Amino acid sequence: MIQEQEKLFVRGFNNGYLIAEHEPELAAQLVKVPNDHSDYFEGIVLGKQEFEMEKVRERLKGMSRTDTQSKGIDNEKGRER
């Protein structure tokens, strides 16, 4: 029983991630729908959230590189040029 619940969760998570990546409007609508909090649906919600968090991490990573370059910091040596 627990293995089946885990499989449903993982399938939902992966589907939620892919839907958020390729159809963000659909993903936003899906998480707003009232549900019975099934393992599959919880996976969809968390998969969508994971995709969104990865996008934020990538933006922050890009911003931190830009900030250090604009300040004239040599990344390899950790000091100003």
PDB file of N, CA and C in Angstrom:
ATOM      1  N   MET A   1       0.822  -1.197   0.000  1.00  0.00           N
ATOM      2  CA  MET A   1       0.000   0.000   0.000  1.00  0.00           C
ATOM      3  C   MET A   1       0.867   1.262   0.000  1.00  0.00           C
ATOM      4  N   ILE A   2       1.882   1.284   0.857  1.00  0.00           N
ATOM      5  CA  ILE A   2       2.738   2.466   0.941  1.00  0.00           C
ATOM      6  C   ILE A   2       3.541   2.629  -0.341  1.00  0.00           C
ATOM      7  N   GLN A   3       4.018   1.524  -0.912  1.00  0.00           N
ATOM      8  CA  GLN A   3       4.764   1.624  -2.166  1.00  0.00           C
ATOM      9  C   GLN A   3       3.886   2.190  -3.272  1.00  0.00           C
ATOM     10  N   GLU A   4       2.631   1.804  -3.304  1.00  0.00           N
ATOM     11  CA  GLU A   4       1.709   2.325  -4.306  1.00  0.00           C
ATOM     12  C   GLU A   4       1.493   3.822  -4.103  1.00  0.00           C
ATOM     13  N   GLN A   5       1.382   4.260  -2.849  1.00  0.00           N
ATOM     14  CA  GLN A   5       1.224   5.689  -2.558  1.00  0.00           C
ATOM     15  C   GLN A   5       2.465   6.461  -2.984  1.00  0.00           C
ATOM     16  N   GLU A   6       3.643   5.897  -2.728  1.00  0.00           N
ATOM     17  CA  GLU A   6       4.884   6.547  -3.134  1.00  0.00           C
ATOM     18  C   GLU A   6       4.968   6.652  -4.654  1.00  0.00           C
ATOM     19  N   LYS A   7       4.568   5.604  -5.356  1.00  0.00           N
ATOM     20  CA  LYS A   7       4.591   5.634  -6.814  1.00  0.00           C
ATOM     21  C   LYS A   7       3.650   6.711  -7.347  1.00  0.00           C
ATOM     22  N   LEU A   8       2.466   6.818  -6.741  1.00  0.00           N
ATOM     23  CA  LEU A   8       1.518   7.846  -7.157  1.00  0.00           C
ATOM     24  C   LEU A   8       2.087   9.242  -6.906  1.00  0.00           C
ATOM     25  N   PHE A   9       2.712   9.424  -5.745  1.00  0.00           N
ATOM     26  CA  PHE A   9       3.304  10.720  -5.417  1.00  0.00           C
ATOM     27  C   PHE A   9       4.396  11.081  -6.417  1.00  0.00           C
ATOM     28  N   VAL A  10       5.294  10.141  -6.687  1.00  0.00           N
ATOM     29  CA  VAL A  10       6.409  10.395  -7.606  1.00  0.00           C
ATOM     30  C   VAL A  10       5.875  10.699  -9.004  1.00  0.00           C
ATOM     31  N   ARG A  11       4.886   9.945  -9.452  1.00  0.00           N
ATOM     32  CA  ARG A  11       4.302  10.199 -10.766  1.00  0.00           C
ATOM     33  C   ARG A  11       3.680  11.594 -10.806  1.00  0.00           C
ATOM     34  N   GLY A  12       2.957  11.963  -9.748  1.00  0.00           N
ATOM     35  CA  GLY A  12       2.365  13.291  -9.669  1.00  0.00           C
ATOM     36  C   GLY A  12       3.416  14.384  -9.629  1.00  0.00           C
ATOM     37  N   PHE A  13       4.487  14.153  -8.863  1.00  0.00           N
ATOM     38  CA  PHE A  13       5.567  15.132  -8.764  1.00  0.00           C
ATOM     39  C   PHE A  13       6.183  15.376 -10.136  1.00  0.00           C
ATOM     40  N   ASN A  14       6.523  14.297 -10.829  1.00  0.00           N
ATOM     41  CA  ASN A  14       7.143  14.433 -12.146  1.00  0.00           C
ATOM     42  C   ASN A  14       6.198  15.112 -13.133  1.00  0.00           C
ATOM     43  N   ASN A  15       4.930  14.731 -13.097  1.00  0.00           N
ATOM     44  CA  ASN A  15       3.964  15.366 -13.990  1.00  0.00           C
ATOM     45  C   ASN A  15       3.766  16.838 -13.645  1.00  0.00           C
ATOM     46  N   GLY A  16       3.714  17.158 -12.359  1.00  0.00           N
ATOM     47  CA  GLY A  16       3.571  18.545 -11.937  1.00  0.00           C
ATOM     48  C   GLY A  16       4.746  19.393 -12.382  1.00  0.00           C
ATOM     49  N   TYR A  17       5.939  18.839 -12.294  1.00  0.00           N
ATOM     50  CA  TYR A  17       7.146  19.549 -12.730  1.00  0.00           C
ATOM     51  C   TYR A  17       7.079  19.825 -14.227  1.00  0.00           C
ATOM     52  N   LEU A  18       6.740  18.802 -15.000  1.00  0.00           N
ATOM     53  CA  LEU A  18       6.682  18.961 -16.455  1.00  0.00           C
ATOM     54  C   LEU A  18       5.575  19.924 -16.882  1.00  0.00           C
ATOM     55  N   ILE A  19       4.432  19.835 -16.228  1.00  0.00           N
ATOM     56  CA  ILE A  19       3.339  20.752 -16.562  1.00  0.00           C
ATOM     57  C   ILE A  19       3.755  22.191 -16.256  1.00  0.00           C
ATOM     58  N   ALA A  20       4.394  22.400 -15.109  1.00  0.00           N
ATOM     59  CA  ALA A  20       4.844  23.748 -14.745  1.00  0.00           C
ATOM     60  C   ALA A  20       5.877  24.270 -15.737  1.00  0.00           C
ATOM     61  N   GLU A  21       6.715  23.384 -16.245  1.00  0.00           N
ATOM     62  CA  GLU A  21       7.756  23.782 -17.190  1.00  0.00           C
ATOM     63  C   GLU A  21       7.171  24.155 -18.549  1.00  0.00           C
ATOM     64  N   HIS A  22       6.212  23.370 -19.016  1.00  0.00           N
ATOM     65  CA  HIS A  22       5.716  23.547 -20.381  1.00  0.00           C
ATOM     66  C   HIS A  22       4.370  24.262 -20.477  1.00  0.00           C
ATOM     67  N   GLU A  23       3.563  24.183 -19.442  1.00  0.00           N
ATOM     68  CA  GLU A  23       2.237  24.808 -19.428  1.00  0.00           C
ATOM     69  C   GLU A  23       1.991  25.482 -18.076  1.00  0.00           C
ATOM     70  N   PRO A  24       2.702  26.576 -17.783  1.00  0.00           N
ATOM     71  CA  PRO A  24       2.601  27.186 -16.451  1.00  0.00           C
ATOM     72  C   PRO A  24       1.191  27.645 -16.084  1.00  0.00           C
ATOM     73  N   GLU A  25       0.413  28.085 -17.078  1.00  0.00           N
ATOM     74  CA  GLU A  25      -0.953  28.521 -16.778  1.00  0.00           C
ATOM     75  C   GLU A  25      -1.810  27.338 -16.313  1.00  0.00           C
ATOM     76  N   LEU A  26      -1.640  26.217 -16.986  1.00  0.00           N
ATOM     77  CA  LEU A  26      -2.377  25.014 -16.599  1.00  0.00           C
ATOM     78  C   LEU A  26      -1.973  24.561 -15.197  1.00  0.00           C
ATOM     79  N   ALA A  27      -0.689  24.613 -14.893  1.00  0.00           N
ATOM     80  CA  ALA A  27      -0.208  24.219 -13.573  1.00  0.00           C
ATOM     81  C   ALA A  27      -0.816  25.108 -12.493  1.00  0.00           C
ATOM     82  N   ALA A  28      -0.902  26.403 -12.765  1.00  0.00           N
ATOM     83  CA  ALA A  28      -1.486  27.332 -11.788  1.00  0.00           C
ATOM     84  C   ALA A  28      -2.956  27.011 -11.569  1.00  0.00           C
ATOM     85  N   GLN A  29      -3.664  26.651 -12.613  1.00  0.00           N
ATOM     86  CA  GLN A  29      -5.080  26.301 -12.485  1.00  0.00           C
ATOM     87  C   GLN A  29      -5.254  24.993 -11.721  1.00  0.00           C
ATOM     88  N   LEU A  30      -4.386  24.026 -11.979  1.00  0.00           N
ATOM     89  CA  LEU A  30      -4.495  22.726 -11.319  1.00  0.00           C
ATOM     90  C   LEU A  30      -4.366  22.837  -9.804  1.00  0.00           C
ATOM     91  N   VAL A  31      -3.432  23.639  -9.341  1.00  0.00           N
ATOM     92  CA  VAL A  31      -3.223  23.704  -7.889  1.00  0.00           C
ATOM     93  C   VAL A  31      -4.330  24.478  -7.178  1.00  0.00           C
ATOM     94  N   LYS A  32      -5.137  25.217  -7.939  1.00  0.00           N
ATOM     95  CA  LYS A  32      -6.253  25.949  -7.334  1.00  0.00           C
ATOM     96  C   LYS A  32      -7.513  25.102  -7.204  1.00  0.00           C
ATOM     97  N   VAL A  33      -7.566  23.983  -7.903  1.00  0.00           N
ATOM     98  CA  VAL A  33      -8.763  23.135  -7.911  1.00  0.00           C
ATOM     99  C   VAL A  33      -8.906  22.440  -6.563  1.00  0.00           C
ATOM    100  N   PRO A  34     -10.114  22.472  -5.981  1.00  0.00           N
ATOM    101  CA  PRO A  34     -10.336  21.706  -4.744  1.00  0.00           C
ATOM    102  C   PRO A  34     -10.093  20.221  -5.021  1.00  0.00           C
ATOM    103  N   ASN A  35      -9.460  19.553  -4.088  1.00  0.00           N
ATOM    104  CA  ASN A  35      -9.125  18.141  -4.305  1.00  0.00           C
ATOM    105  C   ASN A  35      -9.238  17.362  -3.016  1.00  0.00           C
ATOM    106  N   ASP A  36      -9.042  16.072  -3.128  1.00  0.00           N
ATOM    107  CA  ASP A  36      -9.125  15.208  -1.956  1.00  0.00           C
ATOM    108  C   ASP A  36      -7.761  14.966  -1.323  1.00  0.00           C
ATOM    109  N   HIS A  37      -6.769  15.729  -1.720  1.00  0.00           N
ATOM    110  CA  HIS A  37      -5.402  15.621  -1.202  1.00  0.00           C
ATOM    111  C   HIS A  37      -4.836  14.217  -1.386  1.00  0.00           C
ATOM    112  N   SER A  38      -5.040  13.682  -2.570  1.00  0.00           N
ATOM    113  CA  SER A  38      -4.470  12.379  -2.878  1.00  0.00           C
ATOM    114  C   SER A  38      -2.953  12.503  -3.003  1.00  0.00           C
ATOM    115  N   ASP A  39      -2.287  11.374  -2.924  1.00  0.00           N
ATOM    116  CA  ASP A  39      -0.833  11.368  -3.053  1.00  0.00           C
ATOM    117  C   ASP A  39      -0.413  11.902  -4.417  1.00  0.00           C
ATOM    118  N   TYR A  40      -1.156  11.535  -5.443  1.00  0.00           N
ATOM    119  CA  TYR A  40      -0.849  12.004  -6.801  1.00  0.00           C
ATOM    120  C   TYR A  40      -0.959  13.522  -6.876  1.00  0.00           C
ATOM    121  N   PHE A  41      -2.046  14.065  -6.352  1.00  0.00           N
ATOM    122  CA  PHE A  41      -2.241  15.510  -6.429  1.00  0.00           C
ATOM    123  C   PHE A  41      -1.209  16.257  -5.598  1.00  0.00           C
ATOM    124  N   GLU A  42      -0.873  15.745  -4.429  1.00  0.00           N
ATOM    125  CA  GLU A  42       0.170  16.380  -3.617  1.00  0.00           C
ATOM    126  C   GLU A  42       1.496  16.396  -4.370  1.00  0.00           C
ATOM    127  N   GLY A  43       1.772  15.324  -5.125  1.00  0.00           N
ATOM    128  CA  GLY A  43       2.971  15.283  -5.947  1.00  0.00           C
ATOM    129  C   GLY A  43       2.952  16.355  -7.022  1.00  0.00           C
ATOM    130  N   ILE A  44       1.799  16.566  -7.646  1.00  0.00           N
ATOM    131  CA  ILE A  44       1.675  17.606  -8.669  1.00  0.00           C
ATOM    132  C   ILE A  44       1.993  18.974  -8.075  1.00  0.00           C
ATOM    133  N   VAL A  45       1.409  19.256  -6.928  1.00  0.00           N
ATOM    134  CA  VAL A  45       1.628  20.556  -6.288  1.00  0.00           C
ATOM    135  C   VAL A  45       3.107  20.753  -5.956  1.00  0.00           C
ATOM    136  N   LEU A  46       3.726  19.733  -5.377  1.00  0.00           N
ATOM    137  CA  LEU A  46       5.133  19.876  -4.992  1.00  0.00           C
ATOM    138  C   LEU A  46       6.063  19.873  -6.204  1.00  0.00           C
ATOM    139  N   GLY A  47       5.700  19.167  -7.264  1.00  0.00           N
ATOM    140  CA  GLY A  47       6.498  19.205  -8.494  1.00  0.00           C
ATOM    141  C   GLY A  47       6.492  20.593  -9.102  1.00  0.00           C
ATOM    142  N   LYS A  48       5.333  21.237  -9.095  1.00  0.00           N
ATOM    143  CA  LYS A  48       5.211  22.610  -9.593  1.00  0.00           C
ATOM    144  C   LYS A  48       6.068  23.543  -8.743  1.00  0.00           C
ATOM    145  N   GLN A  49       5.986  23.385  -7.424  1.00  0.00           N
ATOM    146  CA  GLN A  49       6.772  24.239  -6.534  1.00  0.00           C
ATOM    147  C   GLN A  49       8.274  24.039  -6.759  1.00  0.00           C
ATOM    148  N   GLU A  50       8.696  22.803  -6.970  1.00  0.00           N
ATOM    149  CA  GLU A  50      10.110  22.525  -7.204  1.00  0.00           C
ATOM    150  C   GLU A  50      10.596  23.213  -8.480  1.00  0.00           C
ATOM    151  N   PHE A  51       9.805  23.151  -9.540  1.00  0.00           N
ATOM    152  CA  PHE A  51      10.185  23.816 -10.782  1.00  0.00           C
ATOM    153  C   PHE A  51      10.343  25.315 -10.557  1.00  0.00           C
ATOM    154  N   GLU A  52       9.399  25.910  -9.843  1.00  0.00           N
ATOM    155  CA  GLU A  52       9.456  27.343  -9.579  1.00  0.00           C
ATOM    156  C   GLU A  52      10.673  27.704  -8.723  1.00  0.00           C
ATOM    157  N   MET A  53      10.997  26.875  -7.750  1.00  0.00           N
ATOM    158  CA  MET A  53      12.170  27.139  -6.906  1.00  0.00           C
ATOM    159  C   MET A  53      13.458  27.038  -7.716  1.00  0.00           C
ATOM    160  N   GLU A  54      13.532  26.099  -8.630  1.00  0.00           N
ATOM    161  CA  GLU A  54      14.724  25.975  -9.466  1.00  0.00           C
ATOM    162  C   GLU A  54      14.899  27.206 -10.350  1.00  0.00           C
ATOM    163  N   LYS A  55      13.795  27.750 -10.851  1.00  0.00           N
ATOM    164  CA  LYS A  55      13.878  28.974 -11.644  1.00  0.00           C
ATOM    165  C   LYS A  55      14.421  30.118 -10.797  1.00  0.00           C
ATOM    166  N   VAL A  56      13.964  30.227  -9.564  1.00  0.00           N
ATOM    167  CA  VAL A  56      14.433  31.286  -8.661  1.00  0.00           C
ATOM    168  C   VAL A  56      15.919  31.101  -8.370  1.00  0.00           C
ATOM    169  N   ARG A  57      16.337  29.861  -8.111  1.00  0.00           N
ATOM    170  CA  ARG A  57      17.752  29.598  -7.836  1.00  0.00           C
ATOM    171  C   ARG A  57      18.629  30.001  -9.017  1.00  0.00           C
ATOM    172  N   GLU A  58      18.179  29.692 -10.223  1.00  0.00           N
ATOM    173  CA  GLU A  58      18.946  30.054 -11.413  1.00  0.00           C
ATOM    174  C   GLU A  58      19.051  31.569 -11.561  1.00  0.00           C
ATOM    175  N   ARG A  59      17.953  32.268 -11.295  1.00  0.00           N
ATOM    176  CA  ARG A  59      17.994  33.737 -11.372  1.00  0.00           C
ATOM    177  C   ARG A  59      18.957  34.305 -10.350  1.00  0.00           C
ATOM    178  N   LEU A  60      18.901  33.773  -9.129  1.00  0.00           N
ATOM    179  CA  LEU A  60      19.799  34.264  -8.076  1.00  0.00           C
ATOM    180  C   LEU A  60      21.246  33.963  -8.410  1.00  0.00           C
ATOM    181  N   LYS A  61      21.494  32.807  -8.956  1.00  0.00           N
ATOM    182  CA  LYS A  61      22.858  32.444  -9.332  1.00  0.00           C
ATOM    183  C   LYS A  61      23.371  33.408 -10.395  1.00  0.00           C
ATOM    184  N   GLY A  62      22.537  33.731 -11.360  1.00  0.00           N
ATOM    185  CA  GLY A  62      22.924  34.672 -12.401  1.00  0.00           C
ATOM    186  C   GLY A  62      23.137  36.062 -11.854  1.00  0.00           C
ATOM    187  N   MET A  63      22.308  36.476 -10.897  1.00  0.00           N
ATOM    188  CA  MET A  63      22.452  37.800 -10.304  1.00  0.00           C
ATOM    189  C   MET A  63      23.734  37.896  -9.503  1.00  0.00           C
ATOM    190  N   SER A  64      24.091  36.868  -8.763  1.00  0.00           N
ATOM    191  CA  SER A  64      25.290  36.943  -7.938  1.00  0.00           C
ATOM    192  C   SER A  64      26.533  37.021  -8.810  1.00  0.00           C
ATOM    193  N   ARG A  65      26.532  36.334  -9.953  1.00  0.00           N
ATOM    194  CA  ARG A  65      27.680  36.437 -10.862  1.00  0.00           C
ATOM    195  C   ARG A  65      27.784  37.841 -11.430  1.00  0.00           C
ATOM    196  N   THR A  66      26.663  38.409 -11.818  1.00  0.00           N
ATOM    197  CA  THR A  66      26.644  39.751 -12.384  1.00  0.00           C
ATOM    198  C   THR A  66      27.104  40.771 -11.354  1.00  0.00           C
ATOM    199  N   ASP A  67      26.655  40.630 -10.119  1.00  0.00           N
ATOM    200  CA  ASP A  67      27.039  41.568  -9.063  1.00  0.00           C
ATOM    201  C   ASP A  67      28.532  41.546  -8.806  1.00  0.00           C
ATOM    202  N   THR A  68      29.136  40.373  -8.731  1.00  0.00           N
ATOM    203  CA  THR A  68      30.566  40.314  -8.441  1.00  0.00           C
ATOM    204  C   THR A  68      31.381  40.809  -9.614  1.00  0.00           C
ATOM    205  N   GLN A  69      30.916  40.572 -10.834  1.00  0.00           N
ATOM    206  CA  GLN A  69      31.637  41.062 -11.999  1.00  0.00           C
ATOM    207  C   GLN A  69      31.563  42.581 -12.084  1.00  0.00           C
ATOM    208  N   SER A  70      30.397  43.141 -11.760  1.00  0.00           N
ATOM    209  CA  SER A  70      30.252  44.594 -11.852  1.00  0.00           C
ATOM    210  C   SER A  70      31.040  45.312 -10.758  1.00  0.00           C
ATOM    211  N   LYS A  71      31.339  44.642  -9.675  1.00  0.00           N
ATOM    212  CA  LYS A  71      32.109  45.256  -8.600  1.00  0.00           C
ATOM    213  C   LYS A  71      33.608  45.110  -8.824  1.00  0.00           C
ATOM    214  N   GLY A  72      33.988  44.421  -9.900  1.00  0.00           N
ATOM    215  CA  GLY A  72      35.404  44.273 -10.210  1.00  0.00           C
ATOM    216  C   GLY A  72      36.105  43.272  -9.322  1.00  0.00           C
ATOM    217  N   ILE A  73      35.424  42.255  -8.874  1.00  0.00           N
ATOM    218  CA  ILE A  73      36.023  41.247  -8.000  1.00  0.00           C
ATOM    219  C   ILE A  73      36.509  40.091  -8.853  1.00  0.00           C
ATOM    220  N   ASP A  74      37.732  39.691  -8.639  1.00  0.00           N
ATOM    221  CA  ASP A  74      38.299  38.546  -9.333  1.00  0.00           C
ATOM    222  C   ASP A  74      37.802  37.292  -8.619  1.00  0.00           C
ATOM    223  N   ASN A  75      36.931  36.531  -9.272  1.00  0.00           N
ATOM    224  CA  ASN A  75      36.317  35.360  -8.649  1.00  0.00           C
ATOM    225  C   ASN A  75      37.328  34.290  -8.273  1.00  0.00           C
ATOM    226  N   GLU A  76      38.388  34.113  -9.059  1.00  0.00           N
ATOM    227  CA  GLU A  76      39.333  33.067  -8.772  1.00  0.00           C
ATOM    228  C   GLU A  76      40.184  33.382  -7.549  1.00  0.00           C
ATOM    229  N   LYS A  77      40.517  34.630  -7.353  1.00  0.00           N
ATOM    230  CA  LYS A  77      41.401  34.981  -6.245  1.00  0.00           C
ATOM    231  C   LYS A  77      40.661  35.662  -5.105  1.00  0.00           C
ATOM    232  N   GLY A  78      39.389  36.022  -5.317  1.00  0.00           N
ATOM    233  CA  GLY A  78      38.617  36.619  -4.256  1.00  0.00           C
ATOM    234  C   GLY A  78      39.038  38.016  -3.865  1.00  0.00           C
ATOM    235  N   ARG A  79      39.637  38.734  -4.766  1.00  0.00           N
ATOM    236  CA  ARG A  79      40.062  40.098  -4.455  1.00  0.00           C
ATOM    237  C   ARG A  79      39.728  41.018  -5.623  1.00  0.00           C
ATOM    238  N   GLU A  80      39.810  42.293  -5.363  1.00  0.00           N
ATOM    239  CA  GLU A  80      39.502  43.279  -6.406  1.00  0.00           C
ATOM    240  C   GLU A  80      40.605  43.314  -7.438  1.00  0.00           C
ATOM    241  N   ARG A  81      40.234  43.693  -8.659  1.00  0.00           N
ATOM    242  CA  ARG A  81      41.216  43.757  -9.741  1.00  0.00           C
ATOM    243  C   ARG A  81      42.050  44.993  -9.648  1.00  0.00           C
TER     244      ARG A  81
END
